[in-house]
Amino acid sequence: MPNRVSRRGLAAGAALLPAAALATSARAAGTAESTFQRVTRTKVLRIAGISGALPYFSKDLTTGKWQGACVPMAESIAKIFGAKVEYVEATWGTAVLDIQSNKIDMSFALNPTPERALAIRFTHPMIIHPFGCLAKHGLNPKTWSDIDKPNLRIGYDIGSLHETVAKRFAPKARHVGFAQQDQALLALQSGRVDVVILAALLGLAAVGKNPALGPYHLLDQPQVALPSCLGIQQESDNRFRDVLNAWLDFNRGIGTMRADIIAGLAVEGVKPSQIPPALSF
């Protein structure tokens, strides 16, 4: 059975928030009404909508309609409160601050780093998200040692957990950082790097969008995996968090969360047969 690596060793470099941003909190500043009370009263659940982030989210620029795995999840949660979903456009980099400043009630698919936990609260995991890679044709890596070689060039988006994981588990390789994930993928296509590190769902979505990149390789020995959770506000009223935790545990147990994620991947053209058997969610 593959070993899982704890988040302790990945914490350094995983924070996406400057320390100064953690100094204040809208909740601490005195908003008396809790999230549970506000959603119950207004019948509106404010969700971070992250455009171009399939399989989680995508927004049709013509119609303004949102799609992706997290859309039916958000609607299911809102239904508990008899509420409607209101999407507030955000990015992975701004979602934590948007929660902290009370612009949104929750954000899907956030990694609970210790630094982020200073600013917001996290639910139970929605998935345990393993890491792997896309590789040049002819290279079929199965373990981290297969890419931890001085003659291989590893690409990643700078400042991400992809960079943190690559530097820890493939330190002997030649590292090449890019401002954005898409730039790293273009470098792989053009032969400027040999490997691109990606979390599993992002890697599968990239392959679905551009099959020439595939296949996606889950890497083992060790299996490196981090939880993706729902991010919510820090507050003394725990009822909203408790509802979300119950929803997560129930829907994972009956398989609806897996079905939603597979449907979200299908939007990018990913077939169930392309999902590695070892990947569970």
C-alpha atoms as a PDB file:
ATOM      1  CA  MET A   1       0.000   0.000   0.000  1.00  0.00           C
ATOM      2  CA  PRO A   2       1.549   3.369  -0.959  1.00  0.00           C
ATOM      3  CA  ASN A   3       2.760   5.654   1.792  1.00  0.00           C
ATOM      4  CA  ARG A   4       1.060   8.995   2.190  1.00  0.00           C
ATOM      5  CA  VAL A   5       3.157  12.023   3.039  1.00  0.00           C
ATOM      6  CA  SER A   6       1.881  14.388   5.703  1.00  0.00           C
ATOM      7  CA  ARG A   7       1.413  18.066   4.936  1.00  0.00           C
ATOM      8  CA  ARG A   8       4.020  19.055   7.536  1.00  0.00           C
ATOM      9  CA  GLY A   9       6.876  18.822   5.096  1.00  0.00           C
ATOM     10  CA  LEU A  10       4.963  20.706   2.408  1.00  0.00           C
ATOM     11  CA  ALA A  11       3.932  23.650   4.558  1.00  0.00           C
ATOM     12  CA  ALA A  12       7.012  25.730   3.775  1.00  0.00           C
ATOM     13  CA  GLY A  13       6.338  27.545   0.554  1.00  0.00           C
ATOM     14  CA  ALA A  14       2.729  26.431   0.404  1.00  0.00           C
ATOM     15  CA  ALA A  15       1.261  29.649   1.766  1.00  0.00           C
ATOM     16  CA  LEU A  16      -0.370  31.858  -0.804  1.00  0.00           C
ATOM     17  CA  LEU A  17      -1.155  34.763   1.531  1.00  0.00           C
ATOM     18  CA  PRO A  18       1.215  37.499   2.691  1.00  0.00           C
ATOM     19  CA  ALA A  19       1.551  37.659   6.458  1.00  0.00           C
ATOM     20  CA  ALA A  20       0.115  41.155   6.558  1.00  0.00           C
ATOM     21  CA  ALA A  21      -3.114  39.896   5.037  1.00  0.00           C
ATOM     22  CA  LEU A  22      -3.677  37.727   8.073  1.00  0.00           C
ATOM     23  CA  ALA A  23      -3.615  40.603  10.504  1.00  0.00           C
ATOM     24  CA  THR A  24      -7.268  41.581  10.174  1.00  0.00           C
ATOM     25  CA  SER A  25     -10.509  39.699   9.824  1.00  0.00           C
ATOM     26  CA  ALA A  26     -13.931  40.956   8.894  1.00  0.00           C
ATOM     27  CA  ARG A  27     -15.433  38.461  11.300  1.00  0.00           C
ATOM     28  CA  ALA A  28     -13.144  39.600  14.113  1.00  0.00           C
ATOM     29  CA  ALA A  29     -13.994  43.195  13.285  1.00  0.00           C
ATOM     30  CA  GLY A  30     -17.437  42.715  14.668  1.00  0.00           C
ATOM     31  CA  THR A  31     -19.959  41.314  12.205  1.00  0.00           C
ATOM     32  CA  ALA A  32     -22.495  39.904  14.644  1.00  0.00           C
ATOM     33  CA  GLU A  33     -24.473  37.816  12.164  1.00  0.00           C
ATOM     34  CA  SER A  34     -22.945  34.399  11.502  1.00  0.00           C
ATOM     35  CA  THR A  35     -22.843  32.744   8.089  1.00  0.00           C
ATOM     36  CA  PHE A  36     -25.517  30.269   9.151  1.00  0.00           C
ATOM     37  CA  GLN A  37     -27.792  33.120  10.243  1.00  0.00           C
ATOM     38  CA  ARG A  38     -27.157  35.241   7.166  1.00  0.00           C
ATOM     39  CA  VAL A  39     -27.774  32.426   4.657  1.00  0.00           C
ATOM     40  CA  THR A  40     -30.889  31.355   6.554  1.00  0.00           C
ATOM     41  CA  ARG A  41     -32.189  34.936   6.550  1.00  0.00           C
ATOM     42  CA  THR A  42     -31.298  36.045   3.012  1.00  0.00           C
ATOM     43  CA  LYS A  43     -31.716  32.674   1.282  1.00  0.00           C
ATOM     44  CA  VAL A  44     -28.533  33.420  -0.708  1.00  0.00           C
ATOM     45  CA  LEU A  45     -25.348  31.329  -0.599  1.00  0.00           C
ATOM     46  CA  ARG A  46     -22.339  33.215  -1.956  1.00  0.00           C
ATOM     47  CA  ILE A  47     -19.824  30.931  -3.650  1.00  0.00           C
ATOM     48  CA  ALA A  48     -16.391  31.724  -5.102  1.00  0.00           C
ATOM     49  CA  GLY A  49     -16.682  31.144  -8.850  1.00  0.00           C
ATOM     50  CA  ILE A  50     -13.273  30.537 -10.408  1.00  0.00           C
ATOM     51  CA  SER A  51     -13.469  30.805 -14.171  1.00  0.00           C
ATOM     52  CA  GLY A  52     -11.366  28.480 -16.289  1.00  0.00           C
ATOM     53  CA  ALA A  53     -10.731  26.097 -13.394  1.00  0.00           C
ATOM     54  CA  LEU A  54     -12.172  22.861 -14.712  1.00  0.00           C
ATOM     55  CA  PRO A  55     -13.087  20.305 -13.551  1.00  0.00           C
ATOM     56  CA  TYR A  56     -14.280  22.542 -10.701  1.00  0.00           C
ATOM     57  CA  PHE A  57     -15.617  25.619 -12.503  1.00  0.00           C
ATOM     58  CA  SER A  58     -15.968  27.201 -15.915  1.00  0.00           C
ATOM     59  CA  LYS A  59     -18.014  30.210 -16.976  1.00  0.00           C
ATOM     60  CA  ASP A  60     -19.547  30.617 -20.397  1.00  0.00           C
ATOM     61  CA  LEU A  61     -18.584  34.166 -21.332  1.00  0.00           C
ATOM     62  CA  THR A  62     -21.522  34.447 -23.729  1.00  0.00           C
ATOM     63  CA  THR A  63     -24.328  33.303 -21.454  1.00  0.00           C
ATOM     64  CA  GLY A  64     -22.711  33.898 -18.058  1.00  0.00           C
ATOM     65  CA  LYS A  65     -23.692  30.369 -17.052  1.00  0.00           C
ATOM     66  CA  TRP A  66     -21.430  28.401 -14.722  1.00  0.00           C
ATOM     67  CA  GLN A  67     -20.607  24.731 -15.199  1.00  0.00           C
ATOM     68  CA  GLY A  68     -18.242  22.182 -13.705  1.00  0.00           C
ATOM     69  CA  ALA A  69     -18.168  19.705 -10.829  1.00  0.00           C
ATOM     70  CA  CYS A  70     -18.748  22.275  -8.083  1.00  0.00           C
ATOM     71  CA  VAL A  71     -21.913  23.759  -9.642  1.00  0.00           C
ATOM     72  CA  PRO A  72     -24.258  20.849  -8.691  1.00  0.00           C
ATOM     73  CA  MET A  73     -22.441  20.638  -5.350  1.00  0.00           C
ATOM     74  CA  ALA A  74     -23.163  24.309  -4.641  1.00  0.00           C
ATOM     75  CA  GLU A  75     -26.801  23.920  -5.648  1.00  0.00           C
ATOM     76  CA  SER A  76     -27.152  20.872  -3.396  1.00  0.00           C
ATOM     77  CA  ILE A  77     -25.757  22.781  -0.405  1.00  0.00           C
ATOM     78  CA  ALA A  78     -27.961  25.810  -1.116  1.00  0.00           C
ATOM     79  CA  LYS A  79     -31.012  23.563  -1.271  1.00  0.00           C
ATOM     80  CA  ILE A  80     -30.466  22.585   2.371  1.00  0.00           C
ATOM     81  CA  PHE A  81     -31.065  26.216   3.333  1.00  0.00           C
ATOM     82  CA  GLY A  82     -33.796  26.804   0.765  1.00  0.00           C
ATOM     83  CA  ALA A  83     -31.379  29.297  -0.772  1.00  0.00           C
ATOM     84  CA  LYS A  84     -30.143  30.222  -4.238  1.00  0.00           C
ATOM     85  CA  VAL A  85     -26.499  30.258  -5.301  1.00  0.00           C
ATOM     86  CA  GLU A  86     -24.803  33.566  -6.032  1.00  0.00           C
ATOM     87  CA  TYR A  87     -21.393  33.274  -7.700  1.00  0.00           C
ATOM     88  CA  VAL A  88     -18.757  35.880  -6.903  1.00  0.00           C
ATOM     89  CA  GLU A  89     -15.876  35.745  -9.375  1.00  0.00           C
ATOM     90  CA  ALA A  90     -12.587  34.979  -7.703  1.00  0.00           C
ATOM     91  CA  THR A  91      -9.244  33.270  -8.267  1.00  0.00           C
ATOM     92  CA  TRP A  92      -7.385  30.663  -6.245  1.00  0.00           C
ATOM     93  CA  GLY A  93      -5.138  33.499  -5.109  1.00  0.00           C
ATOM     94  CA  THR A  94      -7.971  35.752  -3.889  1.00  0.00           C
ATOM     95  CA  ALA A  95     -10.477  33.229  -2.517  1.00  0.00           C
ATOM     96  CA  VAL A  96      -9.020  33.196   0.994  1.00  0.00           C
ATOM     97  CA  LEU A  97      -9.104  36.990   1.247  1.00  0.00           C
ATOM     98  CA  ASP A  98     -12.650  37.019  -0.157  1.00  0.00           C
ATOM     99  CA  ILE A  99     -13.747  34.658   2.610  1.00  0.00           C
ATOM    100  CA  GLN A 100     -11.866  36.630   5.236  1.00  0.00           C
ATOM    101  CA  SER A 101     -13.411  39.932   4.129  1.00  0.00           C
ATOM    102  CA  ASN A 102     -16.951  38.454   4.027  1.00  0.00           C
ATOM    103  CA  LYS A 103     -17.358  38.816   0.255  1.00  0.00           C
ATOM    104  CA  ILE A 104     -18.243  35.133  -0.015  1.00  0.00           C
ATOM    105  CA  ASP A 105     -19.516  32.421   2.290  1.00  0.00           C
ATOM    106  CA  MET A 106     -17.376  29.555   1.017  1.00  0.00           C
ATOM    107  CA  SER A 107     -14.916  28.389  -1.603  1.00  0.00           C
ATOM    108  CA  PHE A 108     -14.490  24.880  -2.939  1.00  0.00           C
ATOM    109  CA  ALA A 109     -11.234  22.966  -3.396  1.00  0.00           C
ATOM    110  CA  LEU A 110      -8.827  24.861  -1.140  1.00  0.00           C
ATOM    111  CA  ASN A 111      -5.758  23.176   0.334  1.00  0.00           C
ATOM    112  CA  PRO A 112      -5.705  23.788   4.111  1.00  0.00           C
ATOM    113  CA  THR A 113      -2.166  25.035   4.642  1.00  0.00           C
ATOM    114  CA  PRO A 114      -1.273  26.131   8.191  1.00  0.00           C
ATOM    115  CA  GLU A 115      -0.843  29.713   6.967  1.00  0.00           C
ATOM    116  CA  ARG A 116      -4.320  29.772   5.458  1.00  0.00           C
ATOM    117  CA  ALA A 117      -5.722  28.341   8.676  1.00  0.00           C
ATOM    118  CA  LEU A 118      -4.639  31.551  10.414  1.00  0.00           C
ATOM    119  CA  ALA A 119      -7.159  33.428   8.278  1.00  0.00           C
ATOM    120  CA  ILE A 120     -10.068  31.071   7.586  1.00  0.00           C
ATOM    121  CA  ARG A 121     -11.525  27.748   8.666  1.00  0.00           C
ATOM    122  CA  PHE A 122     -11.693  24.512   6.702  1.00  0.00           C
ATOM    123  CA  THR A 123     -14.238  21.710   6.494  1.00  0.00           C
ATOM    124  CA  HIS A 124     -13.643  17.988   6.217  1.00  0.00           C
ATOM    125  CA  PRO A 125     -11.891  17.110   2.914  1.00  0.00           C
ATOM    126  CA  MET A 126     -13.975  17.008  -0.237  1.00  0.00           C
ATOM    127  CA  ILE A 127     -11.204  14.941  -1.865  1.00  0.00           C
ATOM    128  CA  ILE A 128      -7.686  13.781  -1.048  1.00  0.00           C
ATOM    129  CA  HIS A 129      -5.827  15.129  -4.056  1.00  0.00           C
ATOM    130  CA  PRO A 130      -2.717  13.208  -5.172  1.00  0.00           C
ATOM    131  CA  PHE A 131       0.083  14.633  -7.277  1.00  0.00           C
ATOM    132  CA  GLY A 132       1.681  13.328 -10.432  1.00  0.00           C
ATOM    133  CA  CYS A 133       2.852  14.620 -13.767  1.00  0.00           C
ATOM    134  CA  LEU A 134       2.591  14.901 -17.512  1.00  0.00           C
ATOM    135  CA  ALA A 135       5.725  13.704 -19.285  1.00  0.00           C
ATOM    136  CA  LYS A 136       7.312  13.828 -22.714  1.00  0.00           C
ATOM    137  CA  HIS A 137       6.498  10.994 -25.074  1.00  0.00           C
ATOM    138  CA  GLY A 138       8.583   7.928 -24.386  1.00  0.00           C
ATOM    139  CA  LEU A 139       8.908   8.703 -20.676  1.00  0.00           C
ATOM    140  CA  ASN A 140       6.522   6.667 -18.533  1.00  0.00           C
ATOM    141  CA  PRO A 141       7.286   7.573 -14.907  1.00  0.00           C
ATOM    142  CA  LYS A 142       5.640   5.639 -12.092  1.00  0.00           C
ATOM    143  CA  THR A 143       7.607   6.849  -9.056  1.00  0.00           C
ATOM    144  CA  TRP A 144       9.209  10.119  -7.994  1.00  0.00           C
ATOM    145  CA  SER A 145      12.635   8.541  -8.421  1.00  0.00           C
ATOM    146  CA  ASP A 146      11.835   8.056 -12.124  1.00  0.00           C
ATOM    147  CA  ILE A 147      11.857  11.836 -12.615  1.00  0.00           C
ATOM    148  CA  ASP A 148      14.419  12.734  -9.949  1.00  0.00           C
ATOM    149  CA  LYS A 149      17.298  12.701 -12.434  1.00  0.00           C
ATOM    150  CA  PRO A 150      19.803  15.426 -13.365  1.00  0.00           C
ATOM    151  CA  ASN A 151      19.138  14.974 -17.081  1.00  0.00           C
ATOM    152  CA  LEU A 152      15.393  15.701 -16.753  1.00  0.00           C
ATOM    153  CA  ARG A 153      13.852  19.183 -16.759  1.00  0.00           C
ATOM    154  CA  ILE A 154      10.815  19.580 -14.491  1.00  0.00           C
ATOM    155  CA  GLY A 155       8.353  22.415 -15.054  1.00  0.00           C
ATOM    156  CA  TYR A 156       5.754  23.917 -12.711  1.00  0.00           C
ATOM    157  CA  ASP A 157       3.903  27.148 -11.997  1.00  0.00           C
ATOM    158  CA  ILE A 158       5.904  29.313  -9.600  1.00  0.00           C
ATOM    159  CA  GLY A 159       4.562  29.725  -6.070  1.00  0.00           C
ATOM    160  CA  SER A 160       2.219  26.751  -6.285  1.00  0.00           C
ATOM    161  CA  LEU A 161       2.152  23.466  -4.416  1.00  0.00           C
ATOM    162  CA  HIS A 162       3.395  21.948  -7.669  1.00  0.00           C
ATOM    163  CA  GLU A 163       6.674  23.796  -7.106  1.00  0.00           C
ATOM    164  CA  THR A 164       6.829  22.765  -3.452  1.00  0.00           C
ATOM    165  CA  VAL A 165       6.259  19.102  -4.274  1.00  0.00           C
ATOM    166  CA  ALA A 166       8.714  19.093  -7.193  1.00  0.00           C
ATOM    167  CA  LYS A 167      11.519  20.591  -5.119  1.00  0.00           C
ATOM    168  CA  ARG A 168      11.005  18.185  -2.289  1.00  0.00           C
ATOM    169  CA  PHE A 169      10.563  14.917  -4.155  1.00  0.00           C
ATOM    170  CA  ALA A 170      12.663  15.519  -7.266  1.00  0.00           C
ATOM    171  CA  PRO A 171      15.525  17.724  -6.041  1.00  0.00           C
ATOM    172  CA  LYS A 172      18.130  16.246  -8.419  1.00  0.00           C
ATOM    173  CA  ALA A 173      16.246  17.235 -11.572  1.00  0.00           C
ATOM    174  CA  ARG A 174      16.654  20.559 -13.347  1.00  0.00           C
ATOM    175  CA  HIS A 175      13.832  22.854 -12.250  1.00  0.00           C
ATOM    176  CA  VAL A 176      12.142  25.336 -14.567  1.00  0.00           C
ATOM    177  CA  GLY A 177       9.498  27.682 -13.151  1.00  0.00           C
ATOM    178  CA  PHE A 178       6.755  29.457 -15.093  1.00  0.00           C
ATOM    179  CA  ALA A 179       4.391  32.258 -14.152  1.00  0.00           C
ATOM    180  CA  GLN A 180       1.335  30.212 -15.140  1.00  0.00           C
ATOM    181  CA  GLN A 181       0.407  26.561 -15.488  1.00  0.00           C
ATOM    182  CA  ASP A 182      -0.454  26.985 -19.181  1.00  0.00           C
ATOM    183  CA  GLN A 183       3.085  28.220 -19.864  1.00  0.00           C
ATOM    184  CA  ALA A 184       4.539  25.073 -18.307  1.00  0.00           C
ATOM    185  CA  LEU A 185       2.281  22.931 -20.504  1.00  0.00           C
ATOM    186  CA  LEU A 186       3.355  24.817 -23.625  1.00  0.00           C
ATOM    187  CA  ALA A 187       6.980  24.242 -22.617  1.00  0.00           C
ATOM    188  CA  LEU A 188       6.295  20.511 -22.412  1.00  0.00           C
ATOM    189  CA  GLN A 189       4.750  20.528 -25.872  1.00  0.00           C
ATOM    190  CA  SER A 190       7.690  22.426 -27.344  1.00  0.00           C
ATOM    191  CA  GLY A 191      10.289  20.204 -25.676  1.00  0.00           C
ATOM    192  CA  ARG A 192      11.667  22.861 -23.332  1.00  0.00           C
ATOM    193  CA  VAL A 193      10.829  20.704 -20.317  1.00  0.00           C
ATOM    194  CA  ASP A 194      10.471  16.938 -19.976  1.00  0.00           C
ATOM    195  CA  VAL A 195       7.943  16.800 -17.130  1.00  0.00           C
ATOM    196  CA  VAL A 196       5.245  19.073 -15.688  1.00  0.00           C
ATOM    197  CA  ILE A 197       4.064  18.476 -12.119  1.00  0.00           C
ATOM    198  CA  LEU A 198       0.284  18.715 -11.648  1.00  0.00           C
ATOM    199  CA  ALA A 199      -2.299  17.669  -9.099  1.00  0.00           C
ATOM    200  CA  ALA A 200      -4.403  14.826 -10.451  1.00  0.00           C
ATOM    201  CA  LEU A 201      -7.631  16.571 -11.428  1.00  0.00           C
ATOM    202  CA  LEU A 202      -5.778  19.480 -13.026  1.00  0.00           C
ATOM    203  CA  GLY A 203      -3.586  17.048 -14.938  1.00  0.00           C
ATOM    204  CA  LEU A 204      -6.563  15.051 -16.179  1.00  0.00           C
ATOM    205  CA  ALA A 205      -8.368  18.229 -17.238  1.00  0.00           C
ATOM    206  CA  ALA A 206      -5.277  19.336 -19.172  1.00  0.00           C
ATOM    207  CA  VAL A 207      -5.137  15.980 -20.975  1.00  0.00           C
ATOM    208  CA  GLY A 208      -8.857  16.157 -21.762  1.00  0.00           C
ATOM    209  CA  LYS A 209      -8.424  19.594 -23.290  1.00  0.00           C
ATOM    210  CA  ASN A 210      -5.337  18.560 -25.250  1.00  0.00           C
ATOM    211  CA  PRO A 211      -5.028  14.759 -25.622  1.00  0.00           C
ATOM    212  CA  ALA A 212      -1.582  15.176 -27.193  1.00  0.00           C
ATOM    213  CA  LEU A 213      -0.267  15.922 -23.692  1.00  0.00           C
ATOM    214  CA  GLY A 214      -1.379  12.595 -22.211  1.00  0.00           C
ATOM    215  CA  PRO A 215      -1.403  10.347 -20.427  1.00  0.00           C
ATOM    216  CA  TYR A 216      -1.411  11.650 -16.862  1.00  0.00           C
ATOM    217  CA  HIS A 217       0.919   9.756 -14.513  1.00  0.00           C
ATOM    218  CA  LEU A 218       0.167   9.356 -10.815  1.00  0.00           C
ATOM    219  CA  LEU A 219       3.504   9.125  -9.002  1.00  0.00           C
ATOM    220  CA  ASP A 220       4.167   6.723  -6.155  1.00  0.00           C
ATOM    221  CA  GLN A 221       6.836   5.840  -3.599  1.00  0.00           C
ATOM    222  CA  PRO A 222       5.742   7.916  -1.853  1.00  0.00           C
ATOM    223  CA  GLN A 223       2.216   8.878  -2.815  1.00  0.00           C
ATOM    224  CA  VAL A 224       2.010  12.615  -2.221  1.00  0.00           C
ATOM    225  CA  ALA A 225      -1.528  13.753  -1.510  1.00  0.00           C
ATOM    226  CA  LEU A 226      -3.136  16.796   0.056  1.00  0.00           C
ATOM    227  CA  PRO A 227      -6.740  17.331   1.099  1.00  0.00           C
ATOM    228  CA  SER A 228      -8.906  19.776  -0.793  1.00  0.00           C
ATOM    229  CA  CYS A 229     -11.533  21.262   1.491  1.00  0.00           C
ATOM    230  CA  LEU A 230     -14.209  23.921   1.572  1.00  0.00           C
ATOM    231  CA  GLY A 231     -12.926  27.206   2.947  1.00  0.00           C
ATOM    232  CA  ILE A 232     -15.281  29.172   5.208  1.00  0.00           C
ATOM    233  CA  GLN A 233     -15.138  32.073   7.626  1.00  0.00           C
ATOM    234  CA  GLN A 234     -13.738  31.827  11.125  1.00  0.00           C
ATOM    235  CA  GLU A 235     -16.598  32.349  13.553  1.00  0.00           C
ATOM    236  CA  SER A 236     -17.831  31.072  16.891  1.00  0.00           C
ATOM    237  CA  ASP A 237     -21.123  29.802  15.455  1.00  0.00           C
ATOM    238  CA  ASN A 238     -20.203  26.363  14.092  1.00  0.00           C
ATOM    239  CA  ARG A 239     -23.581  25.472  12.584  1.00  0.00           C
ATOM    240  CA  PHE A 240     -22.650  26.348   8.992  1.00  0.00           C
ATOM    241  CA  ARG A 241     -19.452  24.289   9.209  1.00  0.00           C
ATOM    242  CA  ASP A 242     -21.356  21.378  10.775  1.00  0.00           C
ATOM    243  CA  VAL A 243     -23.906  21.369   7.935  1.00  0.00           C
ATOM    244  CA  LEU A 244     -21.137  21.392   5.336  1.00  0.00           C
ATOM    245  CA  ASN A 245     -19.250  18.572   7.047  1.00  0.00           C
ATOM    246  CA  ALA A 246     -22.398  16.459   7.178  1.00  0.00           C
ATOM    247  CA  TRP A 247     -23.082  17.225   3.507  1.00  0.00           C
ATOM    248  CA  LEU A 248     -19.527  16.263   2.503  1.00  0.00           C
ATOM    249  CA  ASP A 249     -19.512  12.995   4.426  1.00  0.00           C
ATOM    250  CA  PHE A 250     -22.962  11.998   3.175  1.00  0.00           C
ATOM    251  CA  ASN A 251     -22.394  12.815  -0.495  1.00  0.00           C
ATOM    252  CA  ARG A 252     -18.982  11.186  -0.570  1.00  0.00           C
ATOM    253  CA  GLY A 253     -20.496   8.087   1.001  1.00  0.00           C
ATOM    254  CA  ILE A 254     -23.293   7.728  -1.543  1.00  0.00           C
ATOM    255  CA  GLY A 255     -21.039   8.527  -4.520  1.00  0.00           C
ATOM    256  CA  THR A 256     -22.627  11.751  -5.761  1.00  0.00           C
ATOM    257  CA  MET A 257     -19.406  13.718  -5.274  1.00  0.00           C
ATOM    258  CA  ARG A 258     -17.471  11.257  -7.431  1.00  0.00           C
ATOM    259  CA  ALA A 259     -20.176  11.441 -10.105  1.00  0.00           C
ATOM    260  CA  ASP A 260     -20.042  15.252 -10.081  1.00  0.00           C
ATOM    261  CA  ILE A 261     -16.247  15.265 -10.447  1.00  0.00           C
ATOM    262  CA  ILE A 262     -16.354  12.764 -13.313  1.00  0.00           C
ATOM    263  CA  ALA A 263     -19.009  14.933 -15.009  1.00  0.00           C
ATOM    264  CA  GLY A 264     -16.818  17.996 -14.492  1.00  0.00           C
ATOM    265  CA  LEU A 265     -13.881  16.211 -16.111  1.00  0.00           C
ATOM    266  CA  ALA A 266     -16.142  15.186 -19.001  1.00  0.00           C
ATOM    267  CA  VAL A 267     -16.694  18.876 -19.807  1.00  0.00           C
ATOM    268  CA  GLU A 268     -12.996  18.928 -20.766  1.00  0.00           C
ATOM    269  CA  GLY A 269     -13.347  15.708 -22.727  1.00  0.00           C
ATOM    270  CA  VAL A 270     -11.913  13.356 -20.104  1.00  0.00           C
ATOM    271  CA  LYS A 271     -13.318   9.837 -20.415  1.00  0.00           C
ATOM    272  CA  PRO A 272     -13.752   7.593 -17.355  1.00  0.00           C
ATOM    273  CA  SER A 273     -11.214   5.201 -18.901  1.00  0.00           C
ATOM    274  CA  GLN A 274      -8.576   7.967 -18.701  1.00  0.00           C
ATOM    275  CA  ILE A 275      -8.914   8.296 -14.929  1.00  0.00           C
ATOM    276  CA  PRO A 276      -6.161   6.243 -13.237  1.00  0.00           C
ATOM    277  CA  PRO A 277      -7.635   3.338 -11.219  1.00  0.00           C
ATOM    278  CA  ALA A 278      -5.585   4.408  -8.207  1.00  0.00           C
ATOM    279  CA  LEU A 279      -7.308   7.825  -8.139  1.00  0.00           C
ATOM    280  CA  SER A 280     -10.223   7.870  -5.738  1.00  0.00           C
ATOM    281  CA  PHE A 281     -12.469  10.751  -4.695  1.00  0.00           C
END
